[in-house]
Amino acid sequence: MLLSKNDILKARDFKMREVEVPQWGGSVMIKTLSSKDKGAFEQKTTADKLDLSTIMAEYCALIICDEDGKQLFTREDVEKLADKSAAALELVFNEGRDLNTFTEKDLEALAGN
């Protein structure tokens, strides 16, 4: 079937996954990023003045969502999220990396900049 513009724009192409986070006493839902959000995150991580203290929290804030796929955290929440357990954030970050198909090569390129 050849898709029309309307077919593409109406497609529900985001995936979601439930992730158990023992440190938080339950699970969270994560989602794939839009192309726009992924590009903005990649651009931020290649900036000269990258704030490594909040990068995992920023990524987790982008991907943690409710059951309908609505983002739970805002930019204003990132600092509070960054104060949470590194182990918990790393677990969510790694699951999100897998879901969003960030490869080791992608991460090395981001870290290299």
PDB file of N, CA and C in Angstrom:
ATOM      1  N   MET A   1       0.834  -1.172   0.000  1.00  0.00           N
ATOM      2  CA  MET A   1       0.000   0.000   0.000  1.00  0.00           C
ATOM      3  C   MET A   1       0.883   1.242   0.000  1.00  0.00           C
ATOM      4  N   LEU A   2       0.656   2.119  -0.920  1.00  0.00           N
ATOM      5  CA  LEU A   2       1.382   3.377  -1.012  1.00  0.00           C
ATOM      6  C   LEU A   2       0.704   4.390  -0.095  1.00  0.00           C
ATOM      7  N   LEU A   3       1.478   4.956   0.836  1.00  0.00           N
ATOM      8  CA  LEU A   3       0.926   5.883   1.821  1.00  0.00           C
ATOM      9  C   LEU A   3       0.810   7.301   1.270  1.00  0.00           C
ATOM     10  N   SER A   4      -0.249   7.952   1.646  1.00  0.00           N
ATOM     11  CA  SER A   4      -0.423   9.364   1.296  1.00  0.00           C
ATOM     12  C   SER A   4       0.195  10.224   2.405  1.00  0.00           C
ATOM     13  N   LYS A   5       0.301  11.500   2.157  1.00  0.00           N
ATOM     14  CA  LYS A   5       0.773  12.442   3.168  1.00  0.00           C
ATOM     15  C   LYS A   5      -0.093  12.338   4.416  1.00  0.00           C
ATOM     16  N   ASN A   6      -1.385  12.291   4.234  1.00  0.00           N
ATOM     17  CA  ASN A   6      -2.320  12.198   5.343  1.00  0.00           C
ATOM     18  C   ASN A   6      -2.122  10.895   6.129  1.00  0.00           C
ATOM     19  N   ASP A   7      -1.893   9.797   5.428  1.00  0.00           N
ATOM     20  CA  ASP A   7      -1.639   8.513   6.092  1.00  0.00           C
ATOM     21  C   ASP A   7      -0.416   8.608   6.999  1.00  0.00           C
ATOM     22  N   ILE A   8       0.633   9.224   6.495  1.00  0.00           N
ATOM     23  CA  ILE A   8       1.884   9.346   7.248  1.00  0.00           C
ATOM     24  C   ILE A   8       1.685  10.234   8.472  1.00  0.00           C
ATOM     25  N   LEU A   9       1.036  11.374   8.287  1.00  0.00           N
ATOM     26  CA  LEU A   9       0.864  12.313   9.388  1.00  0.00           C
ATOM     27  C   LEU A   9      -0.086  11.798  10.468  1.00  0.00           C
ATOM     28  N   LYS A  10      -0.995  10.905  10.105  1.00  0.00           N
ATOM     29  CA  LYS A  10      -1.927  10.337  11.077  1.00  0.00           C
ATOM     30  C   LYS A  10      -1.404   9.062  11.732  1.00  0.00           C
ATOM     31  N   ALA A  11      -0.332   8.512  11.217  1.00  0.00           N
ATOM     32  CA  ALA A  11       0.196   7.249  11.734  1.00  0.00           C
ATOM     33  C   ALA A  11       0.641   7.394  13.180  1.00  0.00           C
ATOM     34  N   ARG A  12       0.279   6.443  13.997  1.00  0.00           N
ATOM     35  CA  ARG A  12       0.739   6.398  15.394  1.00  0.00           C
ATOM     36  C   ARG A  12       2.028   5.589  15.401  1.00  0.00           C
ATOM     37  N   ASP A  13       3.133   6.288  15.213  1.00  0.00           N
ATOM     38  CA  ASP A  13       4.406   5.602  15.019  1.00  0.00           C
ATOM     39  C   ASP A  13       5.331   5.640  16.233  1.00  0.00           C
ATOM     40  N   PHE A  14       4.810   6.049  17.372  1.00  0.00           N
ATOM     41  CA  PHE A  14       5.606   6.064  18.590  1.00  0.00           C
ATOM     42  C   PHE A  14       5.419   4.754  19.341  1.00  0.00           C
ATOM     43  N   LYS A  15       6.521   4.205  19.826  1.00  0.00           N
ATOM     44  CA  LYS A  15       6.473   3.001  20.638  1.00  0.00           C
ATOM     45  C   LYS A  15       6.589   3.412  22.101  1.00  0.00           C
ATOM     46  N   MET A  16       6.034   2.590  22.965  1.00  0.00           N
ATOM     47  CA  MET A  16       6.156   2.818  24.401  1.00  0.00           C
ATOM     48  C   MET A  16       6.569   1.509  25.063  1.00  0.00           C
ATOM     49  N   ARG A  17       7.200   1.646  26.215  1.00  0.00           N
ATOM     50  CA  ARG A  17       7.657   0.467  26.957  1.00  0.00           C
ATOM     51  C   ARG A  17       7.572   0.771  28.445  1.00  0.00           C
ATOM     52  N   GLU A  18       7.123  -0.205  29.205  1.00  0.00           N
ATOM     53  CA  GLU A  18       7.117  -0.072  30.660  1.00  0.00           C
ATOM     54  C   GLU A  18       8.461  -0.549  31.194  1.00  0.00           C
ATOM     55  N   VAL A  19       9.041   0.233  32.093  1.00  0.00           N
ATOM     56  CA  VAL A  19      10.356  -0.078  32.656  1.00  0.00           C
ATOM     57  C   VAL A  19      10.247  -0.136  34.181  1.00  0.00           C
ATOM     58  N   GLU A  20      10.627  -1.255  34.732  1.00  0.00           N
ATOM     59  CA  GLU A  20      10.646  -1.418  36.184  1.00  0.00           C
ATOM     60  C   GLU A  20      11.855  -0.677  36.755  1.00  0.00           C
ATOM     61  N   VAL A  21      11.591   0.184  37.744  1.00  0.00           N
ATOM     62  CA  VAL A  21      12.657   0.962  38.385  1.00  0.00           C
ATOM     63  C   VAL A  21      12.584   0.664  39.886  1.00  0.00           C
ATOM     64  N   PRO A  22      13.321  -0.359  40.335  1.00  0.00           N
ATOM     65  CA  PRO A  22      13.244  -0.782  41.745  1.00  0.00           C
ATOM     66  C   PRO A  22      13.553   0.346  42.731  1.00  0.00           C
ATOM     67  N   GLN A  23      14.464   1.218  42.367  1.00  0.00           N
ATOM     68  CA  GLN A  23      14.843   2.323  43.252  1.00  0.00           C
ATOM     69  C   GLN A  23      13.673   3.258  43.540  1.00  0.00           C
ATOM     70  N   TRP A  24      12.712   3.311  42.642  1.00  0.00           N
ATOM     71  CA  TRP A  24      11.556   4.188  42.797  1.00  0.00           C
ATOM     72  C   TRP A  24      10.324   3.427  43.270  1.00  0.00           C
ATOM     73  N   GLY A  25      10.454   2.110  43.433  1.00  0.00           N
ATOM     74  CA  GLY A  25       9.356   1.308  43.957  1.00  0.00           C
ATOM     75  C   GLY A  25       8.238   1.024  42.970  1.00  0.00           C
ATOM     76  N   GLY A  26       8.552   1.016  41.684  1.00  0.00           N
ATOM     77  CA  GLY A  26       7.525   0.723  40.684  1.00  0.00           C
ATOM     78  C   GLY A  26       8.090   0.822  39.289  1.00  0.00           C
ATOM     79  N   SER A  27       7.232   1.127  38.349  1.00  0.00           N
ATOM     80  CA  SER A  27       7.672   1.203  36.963  1.00  0.00           C
ATOM     81  C   SER A  27       7.253   2.535  36.358  1.00  0.00           C
ATOM     82  N   VAL A  28       7.906   2.869  35.256  1.00  0.00           N
ATOM     83  CA  VAL A  28       7.573   4.065  34.485  1.00  0.00           C
ATOM     84  C   VAL A  28       7.342   3.647  33.042  1.00  0.00           C
ATOM     85  N   MET A  29       6.622   4.476  32.330  1.00  0.00           N
ATOM     86  CA  MET A  29       6.415   4.265  30.909  1.00  0.00           C
ATOM     87  C   MET A  29       7.390   5.193  30.184  1.00  0.00           C
ATOM     88  N   ILE A  30       8.052   4.670  29.162  1.00  0.00           N
ATOM     89  CA  ILE A  30       8.916   5.498  28.333  1.00  0.00           C
ATOM     90  C   ILE A  30       8.450   5.405  26.886  1.00  0.00           C
ATOM     91  N   LYS A  31       8.853   6.386  26.094  1.00  0.00           N
ATOM     92  CA  LYS A  31       8.401   6.412  24.696  1.00  0.00           C
ATOM     93  C   LYS A  31       9.553   6.766  23.767  1.00  0.00           C
ATOM     94  N   THR A  32       9.322   6.505  22.499  1.00  0.00           N
ATOM     95  CA  THR A  32      10.278   6.942  21.503  1.00  0.00           C
ATOM     96  C   THR A  32      10.174   8.451  21.344  1.00  0.00           C
ATOM     97  N   LEU A  33      11.278   9.050  20.954  1.00  0.00           N
ATOM     98  CA  LEU A  33      11.331  10.494  20.736  1.00  0.00           C
ATOM     99  C   LEU A  33      10.848  10.857  19.349  1.00  0.00           C
ATOM    100  N   SER A  34      10.316  12.047  19.233  1.00  0.00           N
ATOM    101  CA  SER A  34      10.044  12.572  17.897  1.00  0.00           C
ATOM    102  C   SER A  34      11.385  12.936  17.265  1.00  0.00           C
ATOM    103  N   SER A  35      11.404  13.059  15.978  1.00  0.00           N
ATOM    104  CA  SER A  35      12.621  13.463  15.281  1.00  0.00           C
ATOM    105  C   SER A  35      13.105  14.815  15.791  1.00  0.00           C
ATOM    106  N   LYS A  36      12.169  15.698  16.060  1.00  0.00           N
ATOM    107  CA  LYS A  36      12.479  17.042  16.560  1.00  0.00           C
ATOM    108  C   LYS A  36      13.158  16.971  17.933  1.00  0.00           C
ATOM    109  N   ASP A  37      12.587  16.175  18.855  1.00  0.00           N
ATOM    110  CA  ASP A  37      13.165  16.047  20.190  1.00  0.00           C
ATOM    111  C   ASP A  37      14.530  15.357  20.156  1.00  0.00           C
ATOM    112  N   LYS A  38      14.658  14.330  19.326  1.00  0.00           N
ATOM    113  CA  LYS A  38      15.939  13.626  19.233  1.00  0.00           C
ATOM    114  C   LYS A  38      17.016  14.557  18.693  1.00  0.00           C
ATOM    115  N   GLY A  39      16.680  15.331  17.675  1.00  0.00           N
ATOM    116  CA  GLY A  39      17.639  16.285  17.113  1.00  0.00           C
ATOM    117  C   GLY A  39      18.043  17.343  18.114  1.00  0.00           C
ATOM    118  N   ALA A  40      17.082  17.859  18.877  1.00  0.00           N
ATOM    119  CA  ALA A  40      17.382  18.879  19.884  1.00  0.00           C
ATOM    120  C   ALA A  40      18.276  18.307  20.975  1.00  0.00           C
ATOM    121  N   PHE A  41      18.006  17.056  21.381  1.00  0.00           N
ATOM    122  CA  PHE A  41      18.843  16.421  22.395  1.00  0.00           C
ATOM    123  C   PHE A  41      20.257  16.211  21.865  1.00  0.00           C
ATOM    124  N   GLU A  42      20.371  15.718  20.654  1.00  0.00           N
ATOM    125  CA  GLU A  42      21.695  15.503  20.064  1.00  0.00           C
ATOM    126  C   GLU A  42      22.449  16.825  19.930  1.00  0.00           C
ATOM    127  N   GLN A  43      21.756  17.870  19.524  1.00  0.00           N
ATOM    128  CA  GLN A  43      22.398  19.180  19.383  1.00  0.00           C
ATOM    129  C   GLN A  43      22.884  19.686  20.740  1.00  0.00           C
ATOM    130  N   LYS A  44      22.068  19.508  21.755  1.00  0.00           N
ATOM    131  CA  LYS A  44      22.447  19.954  23.097  1.00  0.00           C
ATOM    132  C   LYS A  44      23.670  19.202  23.595  1.00  0.00           C
ATOM    133  N   THR A  45      23.748  17.901  23.303  1.00  0.00           N
ATOM    134  CA  THR A  45      24.862  17.096  23.799  1.00  0.00           C
ATOM    135  C   THR A  45      26.148  17.331  23.021  1.00  0.00           C
ATOM    136  N   THR A  46      26.081  18.024  21.922  1.00  0.00           N
ATOM    137  CA  THR A  46      27.299  18.342  21.176  1.00  0.00           C
ATOM    138  C   THR A  46      27.712  19.798  21.366  1.00  0.00           C
ATOM    139  N   ALA A  47      27.005  20.502  22.232  1.00  0.00           N
ATOM    140  CA  ALA A  47      27.333  21.904  22.503  1.00  0.00           C
ATOM    141  C   ALA A  47      28.654  21.991  23.264  1.00  0.00           C
ATOM    142  N   ASP A  48      29.342  23.109  23.104  1.00  0.00           N
ATOM    143  CA  ASP A  48      30.625  23.308  23.774  1.00  0.00           C
ATOM    144  C   ASP A  48      30.500  23.310  25.293  1.00  0.00           C
ATOM    145  N   LYS A  49      29.406  23.846  25.801  1.00  0.00           N
ATOM    146  CA  LYS A  49      29.223  23.957  27.251  1.00  0.00           C
ATOM    147  C   LYS A  49      28.183  22.948  27.729  1.00  0.00           C
ATOM    148  N   LEU A  50      28.466  21.691  27.515  1.00  0.00           N
ATOM    149  CA  LEU A  50      27.560  20.609  27.902  1.00  0.00           C
ATOM    150  C   LEU A  50      27.569  20.437  29.418  1.00  0.00           C
ATOM    151  N   ASP A  51      26.400  20.405  30.033  1.00  0.00           N
ATOM    152  CA  ASP A  51      26.271  20.193  31.470  1.00  0.00           C
ATOM    153  C   ASP A  51      26.071  18.704  31.720  1.00  0.00           C
ATOM    154  N   LEU A  52      27.159  18.006  32.008  1.00  0.00           N
ATOM    155  CA  LEU A  52      27.103  16.562  32.201  1.00  0.00           C
ATOM    156  C   LEU A  52      26.323  16.171  33.450  1.00  0.00           C
ATOM    157  N   SER A  53      26.153  17.102  34.380  1.00  0.00           N
ATOM    158  CA  SER A  53      25.462  16.773  35.625  1.00  0.00           C
ATOM    159  C   SER A  53      23.969  16.528  35.420  1.00  0.00           C
ATOM    160  N   THR A  54      23.409  17.005  34.334  1.00  0.00           N
ATOM    161  CA  THR A  54      21.963  16.836  34.129  1.00  0.00           C
ATOM    162  C   THR A  54      21.600  16.115  32.836  1.00  0.00           C
ATOM    163  N   ILE A  55      22.568  15.650  32.076  1.00  0.00           N
ATOM    164  CA  ILE A  55      22.269  15.105  30.745  1.00  0.00           C
ATOM    165  C   ILE A  55      21.366  13.866  30.812  1.00  0.00           C
ATOM    166  N   MET A  56      21.614  12.966  31.784  1.00  0.00           N
ATOM    167  CA  MET A  56      20.747  11.785  31.898  1.00  0.00           C
ATOM    168  C   MET A  56      19.341  12.193  32.297  1.00  0.00           C
ATOM    169  N   ALA A  57      19.242  13.154  33.216  1.00  0.00           N
ATOM    170  CA  ALA A  57      17.924  13.620  33.664  1.00  0.00           C
ATOM    171  C   ALA A  57      17.176  14.293  32.518  1.00  0.00           C
ATOM    172  N   GLU A  58      17.880  15.056  31.695  1.00  0.00           N
ATOM    173  CA  GLU A  58      17.232  15.716  30.561  1.00  0.00           C
ATOM    174  C   GLU A  58      16.665  14.690  29.590  1.00  0.00           C
ATOM    175  N   TYR A  59      17.443  13.652  29.308  1.00  0.00           N
ATOM    176  CA  TYR A  59      16.975  12.605  28.400  1.00  0.00           C
ATOM    177  C   TYR A  59      15.788  11.861  29.007  1.00  0.00           C
ATOM    178  N   CYS A  60      15.884  11.513  30.294  1.00  0.00           N
ATOM    179  CA  CYS A  60      14.793  10.808  30.952  1.00  0.00           C
ATOM    180  C   CYS A  60      13.528  11.661  30.984  1.00  0.00           C
ATOM    181  N   ALA A  61      13.689  12.971  31.185  1.00  0.00           N
ATOM    182  CA  ALA A  61      12.534  13.862  31.177  1.00  0.00           C
ATOM    183  C   ALA A  61      11.833  13.850  29.822  1.00  0.00           C
ATOM    184  N   LEU A  62      12.602  13.678  28.766  1.00  0.00           N
ATOM    185  CA  LEU A  62      12.014  13.626  27.419  1.00  0.00           C
ATOM    186  C   LEU A  62      11.240  12.337  27.161  1.00  0.00           C
ATOM    187  N   ILE A  63      11.700  11.236  27.739  1.00  0.00           N
ATOM    188  CA  ILE A  63      11.116   9.937  27.377  1.00  0.00           C
ATOM    189  C   ILE A  63      10.099   9.384  28.372  1.00  0.00           C
ATOM    190  N   ILE A  64      10.147   9.810  29.639  1.00  0.00           N
ATOM    191  CA  ILE A  64       9.185   9.298  30.615  1.00  0.00           C
ATOM    192  C   ILE A  64       7.823   9.936  30.334  1.00  0.00           C
ATOM    193  N   CYS A  65       6.815   9.083  30.226  1.00  0.00           N
ATOM    194  CA  CYS A  65       5.490   9.573  29.830  1.00  0.00           C
ATOM    195  C   CYS A  65       4.396   8.833  30.598  1.00  0.00           C
ATOM    196  N   ASP A  66       3.175   9.287  30.412  1.00  0.00           N
ATOM    197  CA  ASP A  66       2.035   8.572  30.995  1.00  0.00           C
ATOM    198  C   ASP A  66       1.570   7.499  30.010  1.00  0.00           C
ATOM    199  N   GLU A  67       0.486   6.821  30.348  1.00  0.00           N
ATOM    200  CA  GLU A  67      -0.005   5.718  29.512  1.00  0.00           C
ATOM    201  C   GLU A  67      -0.450   6.170  28.130  1.00  0.00           C
ATOM    202  N   ASP A  68      -0.745   7.472  27.979  1.00  0.00           N
ATOM    203  CA  ASP A  68      -1.170   8.006  26.686  1.00  0.00           C
ATOM    204  C   ASP A  68      -0.008   8.565  25.866  1.00  0.00           C
ATOM    205  N   GLY A  69       1.206   8.483  26.419  1.00  0.00           N
ATOM    206  CA  GLY A  69       2.377   8.987  25.708  1.00  0.00           C
ATOM    207  C   GLY A  69       2.695  10.448  25.983  1.00  0.00           C
ATOM    208  N   LYS A  70       1.954  11.057  26.921  1.00  0.00           N
ATOM    209  CA  LYS A  70       2.191  12.466  27.253  1.00  0.00           C
ATOM    210  C   LYS A  70       3.370  12.572  28.220  1.00  0.00           C
ATOM    211  N   GLN A  71       4.315  13.429  27.876  1.00  0.00           N
ATOM    212  CA  GLN A  71       5.517  13.628  28.670  1.00  0.00           C
ATOM    213  C   GLN A  71       5.141  14.061  30.094  1.00  0.00           C
ATOM    214  N   LEU A  72       5.749  13.404  31.115  1.00  0.00           N
ATOM    215  CA  LEU A  72       5.450  13.722  32.504  1.00  0.00           C
ATOM    216  C   LEU A  72       6.236  14.913  33.034  1.00  0.00           C
ATOM    217  N   PHE A  73       7.471  15.054  32.577  1.00  0.00           N
ATOM    218  CA  PHE A  73       8.361  16.075  33.112  1.00  0.00           C
ATOM    219  C   PHE A  73       8.555  17.222  32.130  1.00  0.00           C
ATOM    220  N   THR A  74       8.737  18.409  32.688  1.00  0.00           N
ATOM    221  CA  THR A  74       9.020  19.599  31.885  1.00  0.00           C
ATOM    222  C   THR A  74      10.484  19.979  32.070  1.00  0.00           C
ATOM    223  N   ARG A  75      10.929  20.973  31.338  1.00  0.00           N
ATOM    224  CA  ARG A  75      12.309  21.469  31.504  1.00  0.00           C
ATOM    225  C   ARG A  75      12.549  21.941  32.937  1.00  0.00           C
ATOM    226  N   GLU A  76      11.508  22.488  33.545  1.00  0.00           N
ATOM    227  CA  GLU A  76      11.633  22.978  34.916  1.00  0.00           C
ATOM    228  C   GLU A  76      11.862  21.844  35.917  1.00  0.00           C
ATOM    229  N   ASP A  77      11.505  20.628  35.547  1.00  0.00           N
ATOM    230  CA  ASP A  77      11.650  19.471  36.433  1.00  0.00           C
ATOM    231  C   ASP A  77      13.027  18.815  36.353  1.00  0.00           C
ATOM    232  N   VAL A  78      13.830  19.174  35.386  1.00  0.00           N
ATOM    233  CA  VAL A  78      15.088  18.466  35.130  1.00  0.00           C
ATOM    234  C   VAL A  78      16.023  18.505  36.335  1.00  0.00           C
ATOM    235  N   GLU A  79      16.181  19.649  36.962  1.00  0.00           N
ATOM    236  CA  GLU A  79      17.075  19.751  38.120  1.00  0.00           C
ATOM    237  C   GLU A  79      16.624  18.820  39.244  1.00  0.00           C
ATOM    238  N   LYS A  80      15.323  18.754  39.512  1.00  0.00           N
ATOM    239  CA  LYS A  80      14.795  17.865  40.553  1.00  0.00           C
ATOM    240  C   LYS A  80      15.023  16.409  40.168  1.00  0.00           C
ATOM    241  N   LEU A  81      14.818  16.095  38.901  1.00  0.00           N
ATOM    242  CA  LEU A  81      15.036  14.734  38.417  1.00  0.00           C
ATOM    243  C   LEU A  81      16.521  14.371  38.511  1.00  0.00           C
ATOM    244  N   ALA A  82      17.394  15.339  38.266  1.00  0.00           N
ATOM    245  CA  ALA A  82      18.843  15.100  38.338  1.00  0.00           C
ATOM    246  C   ALA A  82      19.290  14.785  39.764  1.00  0.00           C
ATOM    247  N   ASP A  83      18.495  15.154  40.755  1.00  0.00           N
ATOM    248  CA  ASP A  83      18.815  14.843  42.153  1.00  0.00           C
ATOM    249  C   ASP A  83      18.405  13.428  42.545  1.00  0.00           C
ATOM    250  N   LYS A  84      17.759  12.709  41.655  1.00  0.00           N
ATOM    251  CA  LYS A  84      17.336  11.335  41.937  1.00  0.00           C
ATOM    252  C   LYS A  84      18.523  10.385  41.748  1.00  0.00           C
ATOM    253  N   SER A  85      18.334   9.155  42.126  1.00  0.00           N
ATOM    254  CA  SER A  85      19.368   8.123  42.066  1.00  0.00           C
ATOM    255  C   SER A  85      19.966   7.988  40.666  1.00  0.00           C
ATOM    256  N   ALA A  86      21.294   8.021  40.613  1.00  0.00           N
ATOM    257  CA  ALA A  86      21.974   7.836  39.331  1.00  0.00           C
ATOM    258  C   ALA A  86      21.681   6.451  38.760  1.00  0.00           C
ATOM    259  N   ALA A  87      21.589   5.458  39.640  1.00  0.00           N
ATOM    260  CA  ALA A  87      21.301   4.090  39.174  1.00  0.00           C
ATOM    261  C   ALA A  87      19.924   4.020  38.522  1.00  0.00           C
ATOM    262  N   ALA A  88      18.949   4.690  39.125  1.00  0.00           N
ATOM    263  CA  ALA A  88      17.594   4.684  38.562  1.00  0.00           C
ATOM    264  C   ALA A  88      17.565   5.420  37.223  1.00  0.00           C
ATOM    265  N   LEU A  89      18.180   6.582  37.178  1.00  0.00           N
ATOM    266  CA  LEU A  89      18.198   7.348  35.925  1.00  0.00           C
ATOM    267  C   LEU A  89      18.956   6.598  34.836  1.00  0.00           C
ATOM    268  N   GLU A  90      20.049   5.954  35.205  1.00  0.00           N
ATOM    269  CA  GLU A  90      20.823   5.196  34.216  1.00  0.00           C
ATOM    270  C   GLU A  90      20.014   4.032  33.660  1.00  0.00           C
ATOM    271  N   LEU A  91      19.244   3.382  34.515  1.00  0.00           N
ATOM    272  CA  LEU A  91      18.395   2.284  34.066  1.00  0.00           C
ATOM    273  C   LEU A  91      17.377   2.791  33.038  1.00  0.00           C
ATOM    274  N   VAL A  92      16.698   3.892  33.348  1.00  0.00           N
ATOM    275  CA  VAL A  92      15.711   4.465  32.426  1.00  0.00           C
ATOM    276  C   VAL A  92      16.404   4.968  31.160  1.00  0.00           C
ATOM    277  N   PHE A  93      17.546   5.624  31.331  1.00  0.00           N
ATOM    278  CA  PHE A  93      18.321   6.134  30.192  1.00  0.00           C
ATOM    279  C   PHE A  93      18.683   5.002  29.233  1.00  0.00           C
ATOM    280  N   ASN A  94      19.201   3.904  29.769  1.00  0.00           N
ATOM    281  CA  ASN A  94      19.614   2.784  28.925  1.00  0.00           C
ATOM    282  C   ASN A  94      18.441   2.135  28.210  1.00  0.00           C
ATOM    283  N   GLU A  95      17.322   1.986  28.890  1.00  0.00           N
ATOM    284  CA  GLU A  95      16.124   1.444  28.238  1.00  0.00           C
ATOM    285  C   GLU A  95      15.652   2.391  27.130  1.00  0.00           C
ATOM    286  N   GLY A  96      15.700   3.684  27.405  1.00  0.00           N
ATOM    287  CA  GLY A  96      15.309   4.676  26.407  1.00  0.00           C
ATOM    288  C   GLY A  96      16.245   4.695  25.219  1.00  0.00           C
ATOM    289  N   ARG A  97      17.515   4.523  25.497  1.00  0.00           N
ATOM    290  CA  ARG A  97      18.521   4.457  24.421  1.00  0.00           C
ATOM    291  C   ARG A  97      18.218   3.285  23.499  1.00  0.00           C
ATOM    292  N   ASP A  98      17.874   2.156  24.089  1.00  0.00           N
ATOM    293  CA  ASP A  98      17.535   0.969  23.311  1.00  0.00           C
ATOM    294  C   ASP A  98      16.254   1.196  22.502  1.00  0.00           C
ATOM    295  N   LEU A  99      15.233   1.736  23.145  1.00  0.00           N
ATOM    296  CA  LEU A  99      13.954   1.972  22.478  1.00  0.00           C
ATOM    297  C   LEU A  99      14.085   2.978  21.342  1.00  0.00           C
ATOM    298  N   ASN A 100      14.949   3.976  21.519  1.00  0.00           N
ATOM    299  CA  ASN A 100      15.123   5.033  20.526  1.00  0.00           C
ATOM    300  C   ASN A 100      16.262   4.755  19.554  1.00  0.00           C
ATOM    301  N   THR A 101      16.782   3.562  19.601  1.00  0.00           N
ATOM    302  CA  THR A 101      17.823   3.076  18.689  1.00  0.00           C
ATOM    303  C   THR A 101      19.068   3.959  18.638  1.00  0.00           C
ATOM    304  N   PHE A 102      19.458   4.495  19.810  1.00  0.00           N
ATOM    305  CA  PHE A 102      20.778   5.111  19.895  1.00  0.00           C
ATOM    306  C   PHE A 102      21.770   3.957  19.940  1.00  0.00           C
ATOM    307  N   THR A 103      22.737   3.968  19.064  1.00  0.00           N
ATOM    308  CA  THR A 103      23.745   2.917  19.061  1.00  0.00           C
ATOM    309  C   THR A 103      24.939   3.362  19.904  1.00  0.00           C
ATOM    310  N   GLU A 104      25.829   2.429  20.184  1.00  0.00           N
ATOM    311  CA  GLU A 104      27.063   2.783  20.898  1.00  0.00           C
ATOM    312  C   GLU A 104      27.846   3.819  20.086  1.00  0.00           C
ATOM    313  N   LYS A 105      27.832   3.676  18.773  1.00  0.00           N
ATOM    314  CA  LYS A 105      28.528   4.627  17.903  1.00  0.00           C
ATOM    315  C   LYS A 105      27.931   6.032  18.043  1.00  0.00           C
ATOM    316  N   ASP A 106      26.597   6.115  18.107  1.00  0.00           N
ATOM    317  CA  ASP A 106      25.932   7.412  18.314  1.00  0.00           C
ATOM    318  C   ASP A 106      26.384   8.036  19.626  1.00  0.00           C
ATOM    319  N   LEU A 107      26.401   7.219  20.681  1.00  0.00           N
ATOM    320  CA  LEU A 107      26.772   7.736  22.000  1.00  0.00           C
ATOM    321  C   LEU A 107      28.239   8.153  22.044  1.00  0.00           C
ATOM    322  N   GLU A 108      29.095   7.401  21.377  1.00  0.00           N
ATOM    323  CA  GLU A 108      30.511   7.774  21.312  1.00  0.00           C
ATOM    324  C   GLU A 108      30.683   9.084  20.570  1.00  0.00           C
ATOM    325  N   ALA A 109      29.926   9.267  19.490  1.00  0.00           N
ATOM    326  CA  ALA A 109      29.994  10.522  18.738  1.00  0.00           C
ATOM    327  C   ALA A 109      29.520  11.695  19.581  1.00  0.00           C
ATOM    328  N   LEU A 110      28.453  11.477  20.350  1.00  0.00           N
ATOM    329  CA  LEU A 110      27.955  12.532  21.231  1.00  0.00           C
ATOM    330  C   LEU A 110      28.974  12.839  22.321  1.00  0.00           C
ATOM    331  N   ALA A 111      29.544  11.787  22.916  1.00  0.00           N
ATOM    332  CA  ALA A 111      30.517  11.977  23.993  1.00  0.00           C
ATOM    333  C   ALA A 111      31.805  12.611  23.479  1.00  0.00           C
ATOM    334  N   GLY A 112      32.176  12.306  22.242  1.00  0.00           N
ATOM    335  CA  GLY A 112      33.391  12.863  21.653  1.00  0.00           C
ATOM    336  C   GLY A 112      33.312  14.350  21.435  1.00  0.00           C
ATOM    337  N   ASN A 113      32.106  14.880  21.340  1.00  0.00           N
ATOM    338  CA  ASN A 113      31.922  16.314  21.136  1.00  0.00           C
ATOM    339  C   ASN A 113      31.655  17.003  22.444  1.00  0.00           C
TER     340      ASN A 113
END
